[in-house]
Amino acid sequence: MTKSELINKLATEKNLTKSRAELVVNCIFDTMTEALMREEGIEIRGFGSFTVRHYPSYPGRNPRTGEVVPVPPKRLPFFKVGKELKVTVEDSRKNGKPIVEGRSEGDGDGVDSPAPTT
């Protein structure tokens, strides 16, 4: 699912204009990004948590020349899936075909892509 698909789904399901839905989605993403920049964790119960992980510097190699180059330390976002989401996704695999855009995946049409939206 892309950001624009998320905006369209929110607009449709909650009877919002697309511009209002876009504001909501952007506000959520911006707030989450700002929290991670401040190295605050984000916990969404039943979904998962976002944290910032620190990685020390290390000597790397240039793949073309083989020359040793220093790799600077990094701070990267990390997502840990929540138990409820993990169970939901795993159960959808065990119980048959996962739902994709209102239809079952592999419904016999030979195409494993979502149905076109109108």
C-alpha atoms as a PDB file:
ATOM      1  CA  MET A   1       0.000   0.000   0.000  1.00  0.00           C
ATOM      2  CA  THR A   2       1.346   3.406  -0.923  1.00  0.00           C
ATOM      3  CA  LYS A   3       0.787   6.676   0.898  1.00  0.00           C
ATOM      4  CA  SER A   4      -1.698   7.813  -1.760  1.00  0.00           C
ATOM      5  CA  GLU A   5      -3.609   4.524  -1.450  1.00  0.00           C
ATOM      6  CA  LEU A   6      -3.746   5.027   2.320  1.00  0.00           C
ATOM      7  CA  ILE A   7      -5.094   8.563   1.813  1.00  0.00           C
ATOM      8  CA  ASN A   8      -7.743   7.319  -0.637  1.00  0.00           C
ATOM      9  CA  LYS A   9      -8.818   4.519   1.715  1.00  0.00           C
ATOM     10  CA  LEU A  10      -9.081   6.909   4.675  1.00  0.00           C
ATOM     11  CA  ALA A  11     -11.088   9.388   2.591  1.00  0.00           C
ATOM     12  CA  THR A  12     -13.462   6.675   1.381  1.00  0.00           C
ATOM     13  CA  GLU A  13     -13.982   4.831   4.681  1.00  0.00           C
ATOM     14  CA  LYS A  14     -14.333   7.917   6.877  1.00  0.00           C
ATOM     15  CA  ASN A  15     -16.206  10.069   4.345  1.00  0.00           C
ATOM     16  CA  LEU A  16     -13.490  12.739   4.199  1.00  0.00           C
ATOM     17  CA  THR A  17     -12.279  14.808   1.301  1.00  0.00           C
ATOM     18  CA  LYS A  18      -8.987  13.625  -0.125  1.00  0.00           C
ATOM     19  CA  SER A  19      -7.294  16.863   0.931  1.00  0.00           C
ATOM     20  CA  ARG A  20      -8.530  16.417   4.527  1.00  0.00           C
ATOM     21  CA  ALA A  21      -7.418  12.771   4.560  1.00  0.00           C
ATOM     22  CA  GLU A  22      -4.008  13.829   3.206  1.00  0.00           C
ATOM     23  CA  LEU A  23      -3.671  16.379   6.026  1.00  0.00           C
ATOM     24  CA  VAL A  24      -4.455  13.674   8.597  1.00  0.00           C
ATOM     25  CA  VAL A  25      -1.967  11.182   7.144  1.00  0.00           C
ATOM     26  CA  ASN A  26       0.765  13.829   6.787  1.00  0.00           C
ATOM     27  CA  CYS A  27       0.170  15.031  10.343  1.00  0.00           C
ATOM     28  CA  ILE A  28       0.560  11.507  11.721  1.00  0.00           C
ATOM     29  CA  PHE A  29       3.712  10.786   9.696  1.00  0.00           C
ATOM     30  CA  ASP A  30       5.250  14.177  10.521  1.00  0.00           C
ATOM     31  CA  THR A  31       4.551  13.737  14.234  1.00  0.00           C
ATOM     32  CA  MET A  32       6.082  10.260  14.197  1.00  0.00           C
ATOM     33  CA  THR A  33       9.149  11.508  12.301  1.00  0.00           C
ATOM     34  CA  GLU A  34       9.653  14.380  14.747  1.00  0.00           C
ATOM     35  CA  ALA A  35       9.387  12.011  17.726  1.00  0.00           C
ATOM     36  CA  LEU A  36      12.020   9.700  16.230  1.00  0.00           C
ATOM     37  CA  MET A  37      14.287  12.677  15.491  1.00  0.00           C
ATOM     38  CA  ARG A  38      14.075  13.490  19.232  1.00  0.00           C
ATOM     39  CA  GLU A  39      14.893   9.810  19.870  1.00  0.00           C
ATOM     40  CA  GLU A  40      11.526   9.213  21.495  1.00  0.00           C
ATOM     41  CA  GLY A  41      10.003   5.790  21.037  1.00  0.00           C
ATOM     42  CA  ILE A  42       6.593   5.326  19.464  1.00  0.00           C
ATOM     43  CA  GLU A  43       4.362   2.512  20.692  1.00  0.00           C
ATOM     44  CA  ILE A  44       1.118   1.661  18.950  1.00  0.00           C
ATOM     45  CA  ARG A  45      -0.391  -1.182  20.951  1.00  0.00           C
ATOM     46  CA  GLY A  46      -1.408  -4.153  18.863  1.00  0.00           C
ATOM     47  CA  PHE A  47       0.562  -2.815  15.876  1.00  0.00           C
ATOM     48  CA  GLY A  48       4.174  -2.329  16.892  1.00  0.00           C
ATOM     49  CA  SER A  49       6.808   0.076  18.111  1.00  0.00           C
ATOM     50  CA  PHE A  50       9.338   2.365  16.496  1.00  0.00           C
ATOM     51  CA  THR A  51      12.675   3.136  18.106  1.00  0.00           C
ATOM     52  CA  VAL A  52      15.972   4.676  17.055  1.00  0.00           C
ATOM     53  CA  ARG A  53      18.968   2.349  17.024  1.00  0.00           C
ATOM     54  CA  HIS A  54      22.535   3.581  17.235  1.00  0.00           C
ATOM     55  CA  TYR A  55      25.235   1.908  15.164  1.00  0.00           C
ATOM     56  CA  PRO A  56      28.925   2.609  15.838  1.00  0.00           C
ATOM     57  CA  SER A  57      31.430   3.546  13.158  1.00  0.00           C
ATOM     58  CA  TYR A  58      33.384   0.730  11.548  1.00  0.00           C
ATOM     59  CA  PRO A  59      35.942   0.224   8.797  1.00  0.00           C
ATOM     60  CA  GLY A  60      34.226  -0.645   5.519  1.00  0.00           C
ATOM     61  CA  ARG A  61      35.548  -1.426   2.065  1.00  0.00           C
ATOM     62  CA  ASN A  62      35.000   0.292  -1.248  1.00  0.00           C
ATOM     63  CA  PRO A  63      33.629  -2.566  -3.410  1.00  0.00           C
ATOM     64  CA  ARG A  64      35.336  -1.244  -6.572  1.00  0.00           C
ATOM     65  CA  THR A  65      38.812  -0.662  -5.228  1.00  0.00           C
ATOM     66  CA  GLY A  66      38.888  -2.735  -2.043  1.00  0.00           C
ATOM     67  CA  GLU A  67      40.179   0.343  -0.225  1.00  0.00           C
ATOM     68  CA  VAL A  68      39.344   0.517   3.483  1.00  0.00           C
ATOM     69  CA  VAL A  69      37.096   3.498   4.196  1.00  0.00           C
ATOM     70  CA  PRO A  70      35.684   4.669   7.523  1.00  0.00           C
ATOM     71  CA  VAL A  71      31.901   4.336   7.872  1.00  0.00           C
ATOM     72  CA  PRO A  72      30.534   6.981  10.256  1.00  0.00           C
ATOM     73  CA  PRO A  73      28.219   6.124  13.159  1.00  0.00           C
ATOM     74  CA  LYS A  74      24.503   6.096  12.343  1.00  0.00           C
ATOM     75  CA  ARG A  75      21.120   6.478  13.974  1.00  0.00           C
ATOM     76  CA  LEU A  76      18.440   4.524  12.133  1.00  0.00           C
ATOM     77  CA  PRO A  77      14.729   3.967  12.789  1.00  0.00           C
ATOM     78  CA  PHE A  78      13.771   0.416  13.734  1.00  0.00           C
ATOM     79  CA  PHE A  79      10.284  -1.135  13.744  1.00  0.00           C
ATOM     80  CA  LYS A  80       9.347  -4.065  15.957  1.00  0.00           C
ATOM     81  CA  VAL A  81       6.051  -5.708  15.043  1.00  0.00           C
ATOM     82  CA  GLY A  82       3.483  -6.106  17.806  1.00  0.00           C
ATOM     83  CA  LYS A  83       2.178  -9.502  18.866  1.00  0.00           C
ATOM     84  CA  GLU A  84      -1.401  -8.842  17.724  1.00  0.00           C
ATOM     85  CA  LEU A  85      -0.321  -7.763  14.219  1.00  0.00           C
ATOM     86  CA  LYS A  86       2.089 -10.692  13.954  1.00  0.00           C
ATOM     87  CA  VAL A  87      -0.661 -13.167  14.898  1.00  0.00           C
ATOM     88  CA  THR A  88      -3.168 -11.540  12.512  1.00  0.00           C
ATOM     89  CA  VAL A  89      -0.798 -11.723   9.555  1.00  0.00           C
ATOM     90  CA  GLU A  90       0.286 -15.279  10.352  1.00  0.00           C
ATOM     91  CA  ASP A  91      -3.323 -16.442  10.821  1.00  0.00           C
ATOM     92  CA  SER A  92      -4.304 -14.979   7.454  1.00  0.00           C
ATOM     93  CA  ARG A  93      -1.650 -17.186   5.849  1.00  0.00           C
ATOM     94  CA  LYS A  94      -2.726 -20.286   7.762  1.00  0.00           C
ATOM     95  CA  ASN A  95      -6.454 -19.788   7.196  1.00  0.00           C
ATOM     96  CA  GLY A  96      -6.229 -19.491   3.442  1.00  0.00           C
ATOM     97  CA  LYS A  97      -5.817 -16.610   1.121  1.00  0.00           C
ATOM     98  CA  PRO A  98      -5.032 -13.158   2.513  1.00  0.00           C
ATOM     99  CA  ILE A  99      -7.459 -10.400   1.648  1.00  0.00           C
ATOM    100  CA  VAL A 100      -6.129  -7.901  -0.907  1.00  0.00           C
ATOM    101  CA  GLU A 101      -8.245  -4.802  -1.650  1.00  0.00           C
ATOM    102  CA  GLY A 102     -11.575  -6.454  -0.941  1.00  0.00           C
ATOM    103  CA  ARG A 103     -10.890  -9.767  -2.662  1.00  0.00           C
ATOM    104  CA  SER A 104      -8.982 -12.926  -1.940  1.00  0.00           C
ATOM    105  CA  GLU A 105      -5.506 -13.217  -3.383  1.00  0.00           C
ATOM    106  CA  GLY A 106      -5.230 -15.771  -6.155  1.00  0.00           C
ATOM    107  CA  ASP A 107      -8.943 -15.800  -7.008  1.00  0.00           C
ATOM    108  CA  GLY A 108      -8.332 -17.713 -10.212  1.00  0.00           C
ATOM    109  CA  ASP A 109      -7.772 -14.818 -12.595  1.00  0.00           C
ATOM    110  CA  GLY A 110      -4.048 -15.573 -12.828  1.00  0.00           C
ATOM    111  CA  VAL A 111      -3.129 -12.090 -11.607  1.00  0.00           C
ATOM    112  CA  ASP A 112      -1.817 -11.496  -8.090  1.00  0.00           C
ATOM    113  CA  SER A 113      -2.377  -7.757  -8.060  1.00  0.00           C
ATOM    114  CA  PRO A 114      -5.145  -5.764  -6.370  1.00  0.00           C
ATOM    115  CA  ALA A 115      -8.317  -5.057  -8.261  1.00  0.00           C
ATOM    116  CA  PRO A 116      -8.207  -1.732 -10.121  1.00  0.00           C
ATOM    117  CA  THR A 117      -9.783   1.178  -8.292  1.00  0.00           C
ATOM    118  CA  THR A 118     -12.271   3.433 -10.002  1.00  0.00           C
END
